Amino acid sequence: MASLTVSVVSADREVWTGSASQVIAKTVDGEIGILGGHEPLLALLASGEVRVTTAAGEKVRVDAEGGFLSVDHDTVTIVAGRAALA
């Protein structure tokens, strides 16, 4: 399975960046899971938790409010109006 390069940023800082095997985020259309090889996507984030499973199997949780999620070529970028590690 392909690895994902993930970046979670808020309006004023980088919250978390690294390699991951999976990302789960809450969007305005419902929860979405992203794995390696996912088709390109742009979605609006809803307030909620973003869950990242790192390549090493660790769980990273980020509380996020507003913003968007972008997926392109195994790169996931999450830009939130407010975000902090949970």
C-alpha atoms as a PDB file:
ATOM      1  CA  MET A   1       0.000   0.000   0.000  1.00  0.00           C
ATOM      2  CA  ALA A   2       1.269   3.462  -0.891  1.00  0.00           C
ATOM      3  CA  SER A   3       2.249   5.832   1.866  1.00  0.00           C
ATOM      4  CA  LEU A   4       0.611   9.247   2.250  1.00  0.00           C
ATOM      5  CA  THR A   5       2.399  12.522   2.852  1.00  0.00           C
ATOM      6  CA  VAL A   6       0.185  14.462   5.255  1.00  0.00           C
ATOM      7  CA  SER A   7       0.254  18.105   6.317  1.00  0.00           C
ATOM      8  CA  VAL A   8      -2.203  19.580   8.819  1.00  0.00           C
ATOM      9  CA  VAL A   9      -2.029  23.363   9.189  1.00  0.00           C
ATOM     10  CA  SER A  10      -4.114  26.018  10.885  1.00  0.00           C
ATOM     11  CA  ALA A  11      -4.385  29.647   9.874  1.00  0.00           C
ATOM     12  CA  ASP A  12      -1.272  30.545  11.867  1.00  0.00           C
ATOM     13  CA  ARG A  13       0.936  27.442  12.132  1.00  0.00           C
ATOM     14  CA  GLU A  14       1.791  23.933  11.069  1.00  0.00           C
ATOM     15  CA  VAL A  15       0.137  21.439  13.443  1.00  0.00           C
ATOM     16  CA  TRP A  16       1.466  18.098  12.157  1.00  0.00           C
ATOM     17  CA  THR A  17       3.357  16.837   9.111  1.00  0.00           C
ATOM     18  CA  GLY A  18       4.586  13.371   8.306  1.00  0.00           C
ATOM     19  CA  SER A  19       4.116  10.059   6.547  1.00  0.00           C
ATOM     20  CA  ALA A  20       0.890   8.147   7.149  1.00  0.00           C
ATOM     21  CA  SER A  21      -0.972   5.039   6.105  1.00  0.00           C
ATOM     22  CA  GLN A  22      -4.471   6.462   6.671  1.00  0.00           C
ATOM     23  CA  VAL A  23      -6.320   9.729   7.320  1.00  0.00           C
ATOM     24  CA  ILE A  24      -9.914  10.005   8.531  1.00  0.00           C
ATOM     25  CA  ALA A  25     -11.593  13.416   8.591  1.00  0.00           C
ATOM     26  CA  LYS A  26     -15.072  14.831   9.087  1.00  0.00           C
ATOM     27  CA  THR A  27     -16.334  16.801   6.091  1.00  0.00           C
ATOM     28  CA  VAL A  28     -19.599  18.654   5.556  1.00  0.00           C
ATOM     29  CA  ASP A  29     -20.775  15.594   3.574  1.00  0.00           C
ATOM     30  CA  GLY A  30     -19.777  13.068   6.263  1.00  0.00           C
ATOM     31  CA  GLU A  31     -16.675  11.240   7.436  1.00  0.00           C
ATOM     32  CA  ILE A  32     -14.106  10.249   4.813  1.00  0.00           C
ATOM     33  CA  GLY A  33     -11.187   7.848   4.925  1.00  0.00           C
ATOM     34  CA  ILE A  34      -8.103   8.355   2.776  1.00  0.00           C
ATOM     35  CA  LEU A  35      -5.639   5.574   1.895  1.00  0.00           C
ATOM     36  CA  GLY A  36      -2.730   5.524  -0.538  1.00  0.00           C
ATOM     37  CA  GLY A  37      -3.854   5.647  -4.167  1.00  0.00           C
ATOM     38  CA  HIS A  38      -6.984   7.700  -3.391  1.00  0.00           C
ATOM     39  CA  GLU A  39      -8.393   9.695  -6.280  1.00  0.00           C
ATOM     40  CA  PRO A  40      -7.877  13.487  -6.228  1.00  0.00           C
ATOM     41  CA  LEU A  41     -10.363  15.161  -3.914  1.00  0.00           C
ATOM     42  CA  LEU A  42     -11.240  18.560  -2.499  1.00  0.00           C
ATOM     43  CA  ALA A  43     -13.674  18.660   0.442  1.00  0.00           C
ATOM     44  CA  LEU A  44     -14.882  21.209   2.998  1.00  0.00           C
ATOM     45  CA  LEU A  45     -14.034  20.291   6.588  1.00  0.00           C
ATOM     46  CA  ALA A  46     -16.671  20.224   9.281  1.00  0.00           C
ATOM     47  CA  SER A  47     -15.737  20.846  12.918  1.00  0.00           C
ATOM     48  CA  GLY A  48     -14.417  17.626  14.365  1.00  0.00           C
ATOM     49  CA  GLU A  49     -11.469  15.338  14.782  1.00  0.00           C
ATOM     50  CA  VAL A  50      -8.945  14.451  12.083  1.00  0.00           C
ATOM     51  CA  ARG A  51      -7.384  11.049  12.786  1.00  0.00           C
ATOM     52  CA  VAL A  52      -4.046  10.143  11.227  1.00  0.00           C
ATOM     53  CA  THR A  53      -2.446   6.709  11.442  1.00  0.00           C
ATOM     54  CA  THR A  54       1.273   7.226  10.908  1.00  0.00           C
ATOM     55  CA  ALA A  55       3.422   4.909   8.826  1.00  0.00           C
ATOM     56  CA  ALA A  56       4.740   3.527  12.153  1.00  0.00           C
ATOM     57  CA  GLY A  57       1.192   2.761  13.325  1.00  0.00           C
ATOM     58  CA  GLU A  58       0.883   5.601  15.857  1.00  0.00           C
ATOM     59  CA  LYS A  59      -2.387   7.518  16.131  1.00  0.00           C
ATOM     60  CA  VAL A  60      -2.381  11.331  15.819  1.00  0.00           C
ATOM     61  CA  ARG A  61      -5.578  13.227  16.615  1.00  0.00           C
ATOM     62  CA  VAL A  62      -6.190  16.845  15.640  1.00  0.00           C
ATOM     63  CA  ASP A  63      -9.235  18.913  16.580  1.00  0.00           C
ATOM     64  CA  ALA A  64     -10.076  21.044  13.530  1.00  0.00           C
ATOM     65  CA  GLU A  65     -12.676  23.687  12.718  1.00  0.00           C
ATOM     66  CA  GLY A  66     -13.536  24.841   9.213  1.00  0.00           C
ATOM     67  CA  GLY A  67     -11.261  24.795   6.201  1.00  0.00           C
ATOM     68  CA  PHE A  68     -10.661  22.163   3.542  1.00  0.00           C
ATOM     69  CA  LEU A  69      -9.019  18.848   2.768  1.00  0.00           C
ATOM     70  CA  SER A  70      -7.145  18.207  -0.472  1.00  0.00           C
ATOM     71  CA  VAL A  71      -5.874  14.876  -1.818  1.00  0.00           C
ATOM     72  CA  ASP A  72      -3.586  14.688  -4.844  1.00  0.00           C
ATOM     73  CA  HIS A  73      -0.943  12.072  -5.755  1.00  0.00           C
ATOM     74  CA  ASP A  74      -0.806  10.530  -2.244  1.00  0.00           C
ATOM     75  CA  THR A  75      -0.425  13.982  -0.662  1.00  0.00           C
ATOM     76  CA  VAL A  76      -3.089  15.010   1.851  1.00  0.00           C
ATOM     77  CA  THR A  77      -3.236  18.666   2.827  1.00  0.00           C
ATOM     78  CA  ILE A  78      -5.610  19.794   5.559  1.00  0.00           C
ATOM     79  CA  VAL A  79      -5.984  23.549   6.031  1.00  0.00           C
ATOM     80  CA  ALA A  80      -8.196  24.494   8.983  1.00  0.00           C
ATOM     81  CA  GLY A  81      -9.233  27.851  10.379  1.00  0.00           C
ATOM     82  CA  ARG A  82      -8.355  26.465  13.812  1.00  0.00           C
ATOM     83  CA  ALA A  83      -6.494  23.240  14.551  1.00  0.00           C
ATOM     84  CA  ALA A  84      -4.685  21.796  17.558  1.00  0.00           C
ATOM     85  CA  LEU A  85      -3.372  18.391  18.565  1.00  0.00           C
ATOM     86  CA  ALA A  86      -5.987  16.615  20.676  1.00  0.00           C
END
